[in-house]
Amino acid sequence: MAARTTDDAAPGEAFRPDAPGAPATGDEGGAVEHPDLNKLGQALDRVEVRSIAITGLLVLAVLYTLYFAKAFLLPIVLAVLLDFLLSPLVRTLKRARIPEPAGAALVLLALLGAFGFAGYSLTGPARDWVTKAPESLAKVQNRLRDLRKPVEQVTKTADKVEEATEVAKSGPQEVVLRGPRLSERLFGTTQSLLTGALETLILLYFLLAAGDLFLQKLIKVLPLLRDKKKAVAIARETEASISTYLFTVAVVNVILGLVIALVMTLIGMPSAWLWGTLAGLAEFIPYIGATALLATLTMAGLTTFDSLGHALLVPGAYLAVNLIQSQFISPLILGRRLTLNPVAILVGLVFWWWLWGVGGAFIAVPLLATFKIFCDHIESLAPIGEFLGK
């Protein structure tokens, strides 16, 4: 019996790689290459690959934990930062023969008194501005109507074109579920705010009252004397640098607020102290805070003064003072070592805003600066500190 040809072969055989006459899938005339699964398994089993995979999973786990543990972690982080800021005051009181628990209580009472007085003084002006907000917005729209006319004409034309090309459709009615209000998204509920503030104050008091307790515990745990000395040196230098940075930034922001209040008084802007306080708080959120306050001052100026030039003088004066402070005063006081990279600031702001909302935006830059200072004092983390610097 004659051998079967390729044409006589079974329908499935001609497509087998080893069948006679099957087309070659590799190089022309060459053997077909198959993946070596043993080599692939060995490559995936390498220590470097497993290390990268474990690191990726660890990063995802940390992000997941930070996002969903906001209510627990945010008061702790804020209390630690305030502890760095207020610890020098407690030590000063200790040198004056006042024990650390009593000194911590005095510092916290003074801080709460200052914030309470400022809040009580600014409640009236803030309530007046909020009450007049709808009327102010309508007035701003009327003032800007001439500038909006070309845009409105284009919008009307686009609406007419859309109506002419739209096909009428009838369908079931849509049910729209109302989400949380804007204030709730930004600041959360009143109960969560009060709970977080109370947790922060209690933890801050115990941190201030503890003094060097945790450093003493760390020294006791370390076995070698040179490690103990190195730990003390790193802790003291890091704490001093962080305290200096936070205290300097706080003082600069307070001075900025006073200057803005004085400038608003000279311009004739009502509630000058309110705008000065908002300017000082906005500086804790670089770029974003200043932009939001600039837009708010523009609206307030347009609703307060009849002259357009006088109205625009309000945001213009704030912008000039803010540029002088950010470009000359702060770099001169903080120095190059404690100045952060603008790209790192923006990335940090966006990250912490996404992670923890407004609270995260307020602590983003102090937290980033604290991390940079910590990296500068640890030799293995020095490259990260150099990247975050300016």
Protein backbone atom coordinates (compact mmCIF):
# COMPACT_ATOMS: atom_id res chain seq x y z
CA MET A 1 0.00 0.00 0.00
CA ALA A 2 1.40 3.39 -0.99
CA ALA A 3 2.34 5.87 1.74
CA ARG A 4 -0.13 8.61 2.41
CA THR A 5 0.70 12.04 1.11
CA THR A 6 0.10 15.28 2.90
CA ASP A 7 -3.13 15.77 0.97
CA ASP A 8 -4.38 12.35 2.11
CA ALA A 9 -3.54 12.95 5.77
CA ALA A 10 -6.17 13.24 8.42
CA PRO A 11 -7.61 16.72 8.81
CA GLY A 12 -5.88 17.39 12.14
CA GLU A 13 -2.50 15.85 11.34
CA ALA A 14 -1.42 18.42 8.80
CA PHE A 15 -1.49 21.13 11.44
CA ARG A 16 0.70 19.27 13.94
CA PRO A 17 4.20 20.75 14.25
CA ASP A 18 5.80 17.35 13.60
CA ALA A 19 3.53 16.42 10.69
CA PRO A 20 5.10 16.12 7.25
CA GLY A 21 4.69 19.27 5.22
CA ALA A 22 3.59 21.35 8.25
CA PRO A 23 4.66 24.96 8.00
CA ALA A 24 7.71 25.86 10.10
CA THR A 25 7.01 28.34 12.84
CA GLY A 26 10.64 29.21 13.54
CA ASP A 27 13.39 30.33 11.16
CA GLU A 28 12.99 29.08 7.64
CA GLY A 29 14.41 25.59 7.45
CA GLY A 30 15.28 25.61 11.15
CA ALA A 31 13.95 23.66 14.10
CA VAL A 32 10.96 24.91 16.03
CA GLU A 33 11.93 26.52 19.37
CA HIS A 34 9.87 25.71 22.44
CA PRO A 35 9.99 27.73 25.69
CA ASP A 36 12.18 26.23 28.33
CA LEU A 37 9.85 26.00 31.32
CA ASN A 38 12.66 24.91 33.60
CA LYS A 39 14.64 28.09 32.92
CA LEU A 40 11.52 30.20 33.36
CA GLY A 41 10.84 28.56 36.71
CA GLN A 42 14.43 29.11 37.80
CA ALA A 43 14.24 32.81 36.81
CA LEU A 44 11.01 33.33 38.73
CA ASP A 45 12.49 31.50 41.72
CA ARG A 46 15.47 33.86 41.98
CA VAL A 47 15.89 35.80 45.22
CA GLU A 48 15.79 39.18 43.43
CA VAL A 49 12.47 38.45 41.75
CA ARG A 50 10.91 37.21 44.97
CA SER A 51 12.25 40.26 46.81
CA ILE A 52 10.67 42.64 44.27
CA ALA A 53 7.36 40.81 44.47
CA ILE A 54 7.35 40.86 48.28
CA THR A 55 8.28 44.57 48.29
CA GLY A 56 5.42 45.36 45.91
CA LEU A 57 2.94 43.47 48.07
CA LEU A 58 4.30 45.22 51.18
CA VAL A 59 3.82 48.67 49.59
CA LEU A 60 0.24 47.83 48.58
CA ALA A 61 -0.48 46.51 52.08
CA VAL A 62 0.91 49.69 53.68
CA LEU A 63 -1.16 51.93 51.38
CA TYR A 64 -4.26 49.89 52.07
CA THR A 65 -3.67 50.11 55.83
CA LEU A 66 -2.99 53.86 55.75
CA TYR A 67 -6.14 54.53 53.73
CA PHE A 68 -8.55 52.50 55.82
CA ALA A 69 -6.92 53.28 59.20
CA LYS A 70 -7.18 57.06 58.78
CA ALA A 71 -9.34 57.59 61.88
CA PHE A 72 -6.75 55.75 63.99
CA LEU A 73 -3.47 56.95 62.47
CA LEU A 74 -4.16 60.64 61.77
CA PRO A 75 -4.46 61.68 65.45
CA ILE A 76 -1.28 59.73 66.25
CA VAL A 77 0.76 61.38 63.48
CA LEU A 78 -0.56 64.83 64.37
CA ALA A 79 0.23 64.28 68.07
CA VAL A 80 3.80 63.18 67.26
CA LEU A 81 4.41 66.27 65.09
CA LEU A 82 3.04 68.54 67.81
CA ASP A 83 5.22 66.73 70.32
CA PHE A 84 8.30 67.64 68.27
CA LEU A 85 7.08 71.24 68.15
CA LEU A 86 6.25 71.67 71.84
CA SER A 87 8.94 69.50 73.48
CA PRO A 88 11.47 72.38 73.72
CA LEU A 89 8.93 74.41 75.74
CA VAL A 90 8.39 71.53 78.16
CA ARG A 91 12.16 71.13 78.58
CA THR A 92 12.49 74.85 79.27
CA LEU A 93 9.87 74.57 82.01
CA LYS A 94 11.69 71.52 83.38
CA ARG A 95 14.89 73.54 83.74
CA ALA A 96 12.78 76.03 85.71
CA ARG A 97 12.02 73.23 88.23
CA ILE A 98 8.55 72.49 86.81
CA PRO A 99 8.00 68.72 86.37
CA GLU A 100 7.30 67.45 82.88
CA PRO A 101 3.66 66.40 83.55
CA ALA A 102 2.87 69.85 84.97
CA GLY A 103 4.81 71.56 82.18
CA ALA A 104 2.92 69.56 79.53
CA ALA A 105 -0.39 70.56 81.13
CA LEU A 106 0.62 74.25 81.19
CA VAL A 107 1.71 74.18 77.54
CA LEU A 108 -1.50 72.48 76.40
CA LEU A 109 -3.70 74.83 78.44
CA ALA A 110 -1.92 77.84 76.93
CA LEU A 111 -2.30 76.37 73.43
CA LEU A 112 -5.99 75.63 73.93
CA GLY A 113 -6.57 79.07 75.39
CA ALA A 114 -4.92 80.78 72.42
CA PHE A 115 -6.91 78.73 69.90
CA GLY A 116 -10.13 79.19 71.87
CA PHE A 117 -9.70 82.96 72.04
CA ALA A 118 -8.85 83.19 68.35
CA GLY A 119 -11.78 80.98 67.39
CA TYR A 120 -14.22 82.96 69.55
CA SER A 121 -12.96 86.28 68.14
CA LEU A 122 -13.24 85.13 64.53
CA THR A 123 -16.56 83.30 64.81
CA GLY A 124 -18.62 86.48 64.29
CA PRO A 125 -16.84 87.73 61.13
CA ALA A 126 -16.72 84.25 59.64
CA ARG A 127 -20.46 83.76 60.27
CA ASP A 128 -21.21 87.12 58.63
CA TRP A 129 -19.24 86.24 55.50
CA VAL A 130 -20.86 82.80 55.28
CA THR A 131 -24.34 84.32 55.72
CA LYS A 132 -23.69 86.83 52.95
CA ALA A 133 -22.17 84.22 50.64
CA PRO A 134 -25.24 83.74 48.33
CA GLU A 135 -25.71 87.48 47.98
CA SER A 136 -21.99 87.94 47.42
CA LEU A 137 -21.92 85.33 44.67
CA ALA A 138 -24.81 87.02 42.89
CA LYS A 139 -23.02 90.36 43.14
CA VAL A 140 -19.81 88.86 41.75
CA GLN A 141 -21.75 87.41 38.82
CA ASN A 142 -23.20 90.82 38.06
CA ARG A 143 -19.75 92.41 38.22
CA LEU A 144 -18.31 89.84 35.87
CA ARG A 145 -21.25 89.75 33.47
CA ASP A 146 -19.46 91.84 30.86
CA LEU A 147 -16.56 89.42 30.87
CA ARG A 148 -18.89 86.44 30.65
CA LYS A 149 -20.95 87.63 27.68
CA PRO A 150 -18.72 86.09 24.96
CA VAL A 151 -18.59 82.79 26.83
CA GLU A 152 -22.35 82.78 27.34
CA GLN A 153 -22.92 83.42 23.63
CA VAL A 154 -20.75 80.44 22.72
CA THR A 155 -22.56 78.30 25.29
CA LYS A 156 -25.99 79.24 23.92
CA THR A 157 -24.88 78.42 20.38
CA ALA A 158 -23.59 75.04 21.49
CA ASP A 159 -26.87 74.32 23.31
CA LYS A 160 -28.90 75.13 20.18
CA VAL A 161 -26.72 72.84 18.06
CA GLU A 162 -27.12 70.06 20.60
CA GLU A 163 -30.91 70.51 20.69
CA ALA A 164 -31.08 70.42 16.88
CA THR A 165 -29.14 67.16 16.65
CA GLU A 166 -30.60 65.46 19.71
CA VAL A 167 -33.01 62.62 19.20
CA ALA A 168 -35.84 62.56 21.67
CA LYS A 169 -35.74 59.48 23.82
CA SER A 170 -38.23 58.29 26.35
CA GLY A 171 -37.23 55.87 29.04
CA PRO A 172 -37.64 55.04 32.66
CA GLN A 173 -36.99 57.79 35.14
CA GLU A 174 -33.56 57.81 36.70
CA VAL A 175 -33.24 57.69 40.46
CA VAL A 176 -30.33 59.81 41.66
CA LEU A 177 -28.94 58.95 45.06
CA ARG A 178 -27.68 61.97 46.92
CA GLY A 179 -24.13 61.55 48.16
CA PRO A 180 -22.50 63.21 51.12
CA ARG A 181 -22.32 66.99 51.15
CA LEU A 182 -19.12 68.82 50.23
CA SER A 183 -18.43 69.83 53.82
CA GLU A 184 -18.72 66.21 54.93
CA ARG A 185 -16.34 65.06 52.21
CA LEU A 186 -13.76 67.68 53.14
CA PHE A 187 -13.91 67.72 56.92
CA GLY A 188 -16.01 64.71 57.89
CA THR A 189 -18.77 64.80 60.46
CA THR A 190 -18.67 66.92 63.60
CA GLN A 191 -18.49 63.80 65.77
CA SER A 192 -15.41 62.46 63.97
CA LEU A 193 -13.72 65.86 64.18
CA LEU A 194 -14.29 66.16 67.92
CA THR A 195 -13.24 62.56 68.52
CA GLY A 196 -10.01 62.99 66.54
CA ALA A 197 -9.19 66.27 68.30
CA LEU A 198 -9.74 64.70 71.73
CA GLU A 199 -7.55 61.70 70.86
CA THR A 200 -4.81 64.02 69.60
CA LEU A 201 -4.86 66.13 72.77
CA ILE A 202 -4.77 63.15 75.13
CA LEU A 203 -1.94 61.44 73.24
CA LEU A 204 -0.03 64.72 72.94
CA TYR A 205 -0.20 65.26 76.70
CA PHE A 206 1.20 61.81 77.45
CA LEU A 207 3.97 62.24 74.86
CA LEU A 208 4.97 65.58 76.36
CA ALA A 209 4.71 64.29 79.93
CA ALA A 210 6.79 61.19 79.10
CA GLY A 211 9.77 63.29 78.05
CA ASP A 212 12.76 61.08 77.19
CA LEU A 213 11.08 57.85 78.29
CA PHE A 214 11.07 56.24 74.86
CA LEU A 215 14.67 57.25 74.18
CA GLN A 216 15.71 55.72 77.49
CA LYS A 217 13.88 52.52 76.59
CA LEU A 218 15.69 52.40 73.25
CA ILE A 219 19.08 52.88 74.89
CA LYS A 220 18.34 50.12 77.36
CA VAL A 221 17.44 47.69 74.56
CA LEU A 222 20.59 48.27 72.47
CA PRO A 223 23.40 45.88 73.48
CA LEU A 224 26.59 47.76 72.49
CA LEU A 225 27.82 51.02 74.00
CA ARG A 226 28.68 52.54 70.62
CA ASP A 227 25.16 51.77 69.39
CA LYS A 228 23.74 53.48 72.46
CA LYS A 229 25.84 56.61 71.81
CA LYS A 230 24.92 56.64 68.13
CA ALA A 231 21.21 56.26 68.92
CA VAL A 232 21.33 59.15 71.40
CA ALA A 233 23.19 61.38 68.92
CA ILE A 234 20.80 60.60 66.06
CA ALA A 235 17.73 61.06 68.26
CA ARG A 236 18.92 64.40 69.66
CA GLU A 237 19.98 65.81 66.29
CA THR A 238 16.82 64.64 64.55
CA GLU A 239 14.55 65.97 67.28
CA ALA A 240 16.38 69.31 67.38
CA SER A 241 16.20 69.69 63.60
CA ILE A 242 12.52 68.75 63.42
CA SER A 243 11.62 71.03 66.35
CA THR A 244 13.54 73.91 64.78
CA TYR A 245 11.86 73.40 61.42
CA LEU A 246 8.32 73.11 62.77
CA PHE A 247 8.76 76.04 65.15
CA THR A 248 10.29 78.22 62.42
CA VAL A 249 7.52 77.41 59.94
CA ALA A 250 4.86 78.10 62.57
CA VAL A 251 6.44 81.47 63.44
CA VAL A 252 6.79 82.43 59.75
CA ASN A 253 3.13 81.58 59.11
CA VAL A 254 1.99 83.58 62.14
CA ILE A 255 4.03 86.59 61.00
CA LEU A 256 2.59 86.22 57.50
CA GLY A 257 -0.90 86.24 58.97
CA LEU A 258 -0.15 89.40 60.93
CA VAL A 259 1.25 91.12 57.84
CA ILE A 260 -1.79 90.13 55.76
CA ALA A 261 -4.11 91.42 58.49
CA LEU A 262 -2.21 94.74 58.54
CA VAL A 263 -2.30 95.03 54.74
CA MET A 264 -6.03 94.27 54.63
CA THR A 265 -6.61 96.95 57.27
CA LEU A 266 -4.69 99.50 55.21
CA ILE A 267 -6.67 98.59 52.10
CA GLY A 268 -9.93 98.97 54.00
CA MET A 269 -11.00 95.32 53.84
CA PRO A 270 -13.49 94.31 56.55
CA SER A 271 -12.60 91.46 58.94
CA ALA A 272 -8.87 91.91 58.40
CA TRP A 273 -7.97 89.55 61.25
CA LEU A 274 -10.08 86.81 59.69
CA TRP A 275 -8.14 87.05 56.42
CA GLY A 276 -4.84 87.13 58.29
CA THR A 277 -5.73 83.95 60.18
CA LEU A 278 -6.81 82.20 56.99
CA ALA A 279 -3.57 83.28 55.30
CA GLY A 280 -1.50 81.79 58.13
CA LEU A 281 -3.43 78.51 58.01
CA ALA A 282 -3.29 78.34 54.21
CA GLU A 283 0.51 78.38 54.29
CA PHE A 284 0.49 74.92 55.88
CA ILE A 285 -0.88 73.70 52.52
CA PRO A 286 1.56 75.21 49.98
CA TYR A 287 0.26 76.16 46.52
CA ILE A 288 -3.22 74.70 47.09
CA GLY A 289 -4.00 76.76 50.19
CA ALA A 290 -2.67 79.98 48.68
CA THR A 291 -4.61 79.41 45.45
CA ALA A 292 -7.87 78.78 47.30
CA LEU A 293 -7.41 81.86 49.50
CA LEU A 294 -6.50 83.98 46.46
CA ALA A 295 -9.78 83.02 44.78
CA THR A 296 -11.70 83.72 48.02
CA LEU A 297 -10.10 87.15 48.43
CA THR A 298 -10.91 87.99 44.82
CA MET A 299 -14.60 87.28 45.41
CA ALA A 300 -14.54 89.15 48.73
CA GLY A 301 -12.89 92.18 47.11
CA LEU A 302 -15.40 92.28 44.26
CA THR A 303 -18.32 92.19 46.69
CA THR A 304 -16.84 94.79 49.05
CA PHE A 305 -15.58 97.58 46.80
CA ASP A 306 -17.33 99.27 43.88
CA SER A 307 -14.12 100.13 42.05
CA LEU A 308 -12.68 97.21 40.10
CA GLY A 309 -9.13 98.39 40.74
CA HIS A 310 -9.71 98.65 44.48
CA ALA A 311 -11.34 95.20 44.47
CA LEU A 312 -8.43 93.56 42.64
CA LEU A 313 -5.99 95.24 45.00
CA VAL A 314 -7.10 92.81 47.72
CA PRO A 315 -5.91 89.58 46.02
CA GLY A 316 -2.99 91.44 44.46
CA ALA A 317 -1.67 92.55 47.86
CA TYR A 318 -2.01 89.03 49.25
CA LEU A 319 -0.23 87.56 46.23
CA ALA A 320 2.66 90.03 46.54
CA VAL A 321 3.15 89.32 50.27
CA ASN A 322 2.88 85.57 49.70
CA LEU A 323 5.48 85.61 46.89
CA ILE A 324 7.93 87.60 49.02
CA GLN A 325 7.47 85.17 51.90
CA SER A 326 7.75 81.98 49.84
CA GLN A 327 10.57 83.04 47.52
CA PHE A 328 12.80 85.08 49.83
CA ILE A 329 11.90 84.99 53.52
CA SER A 330 11.34 81.25 54.07
CA PRO A 331 14.41 80.06 52.08
CA LEU A 332 16.55 82.64 53.88
CA ILE A 333 15.37 81.55 57.34
CA LEU A 334 15.15 77.80 56.79
CA GLY A 335 18.29 77.51 54.70
CA ARG A 336 19.00 75.15 51.84
CA ARG A 337 19.25 72.09 54.09
CA LEU A 338 15.64 72.31 55.24
CA THR A 339 14.14 73.52 51.95
CA LEU A 340 12.08 70.90 50.14
CA ASN A 341 11.92 70.13 46.45
CA PRO A 342 8.76 71.70 44.89
CA VAL A 343 8.06 68.49 42.97
CA ALA A 344 8.30 66.47 46.19
CA ILE A 345 5.97 68.96 47.91
CA LEU A 346 3.33 68.65 45.18
CA VAL A 347 3.55 64.86 45.09
CA GLY A 348 3.37 64.71 48.88
CA LEU A 349 0.37 67.05 48.97
CA VAL A 350 -1.53 65.09 46.36
CA PHE A 351 -0.69 61.77 48.04
CA TRP A 352 -1.70 62.75 51.57
CA TRP A 353 -4.77 64.66 50.34
CA TRP A 354 -5.92 61.53 48.52
CA LEU A 355 -5.08 59.39 51.53
CA TRP A 356 -6.41 61.43 54.48
CA GLY A 357 -8.28 64.42 53.02
CA VAL A 358 -7.83 67.92 54.45
CA GLY A 359 -6.09 66.60 57.57
CA GLY A 360 -3.54 64.84 55.38
CA ALA A 361 -2.98 68.01 53.34
CA PHE A 362 -2.24 70.01 56.51
CA ILE A 363 0.37 67.55 57.78
CA ALA A 364 1.82 66.64 54.35
CA VAL A 365 4.65 69.19 54.25
CA PRO A 366 5.64 68.92 57.96
CA LEU A 367 5.57 65.14 57.61
CA LEU A 368 7.67 65.31 54.44
CA ALA A 369 10.18 67.65 56.09
CA THR A 370 10.34 65.40 59.15
CA PHE A 371 11.03 62.38 56.95
CA LYS A 372 13.75 64.30 55.07
CA ILE A 373 15.47 65.32 58.32
CA PHE A 374 15.28 61.75 59.55
CA CYS A 375 16.85 60.52 56.28
CA ASP A 376 19.63 63.10 56.53
CA HIS A 377 20.70 61.63 59.89
CA ILE A 378 20.63 57.99 58.73
CA GLU A 379 23.50 57.13 56.40
CA SER A 380 21.64 54.42 54.47
CA LEU A 381 18.69 56.78 53.82
CA ALA A 382 20.80 59.82 52.85
CA PRO A 383 20.06 59.46 49.06
CA ILE A 384 16.32 59.77 49.77
CA GLY A 385 16.95 62.93 51.81
CA GLU A 386 19.03 64.36 48.98
CA PHE A 387 16.22 63.68 46.50
CA LEU A 388 13.65 65.44 48.70
CA GLY A 389 15.89 68.48 49.16
CA LYS A 390 15.96 71.50 46.89
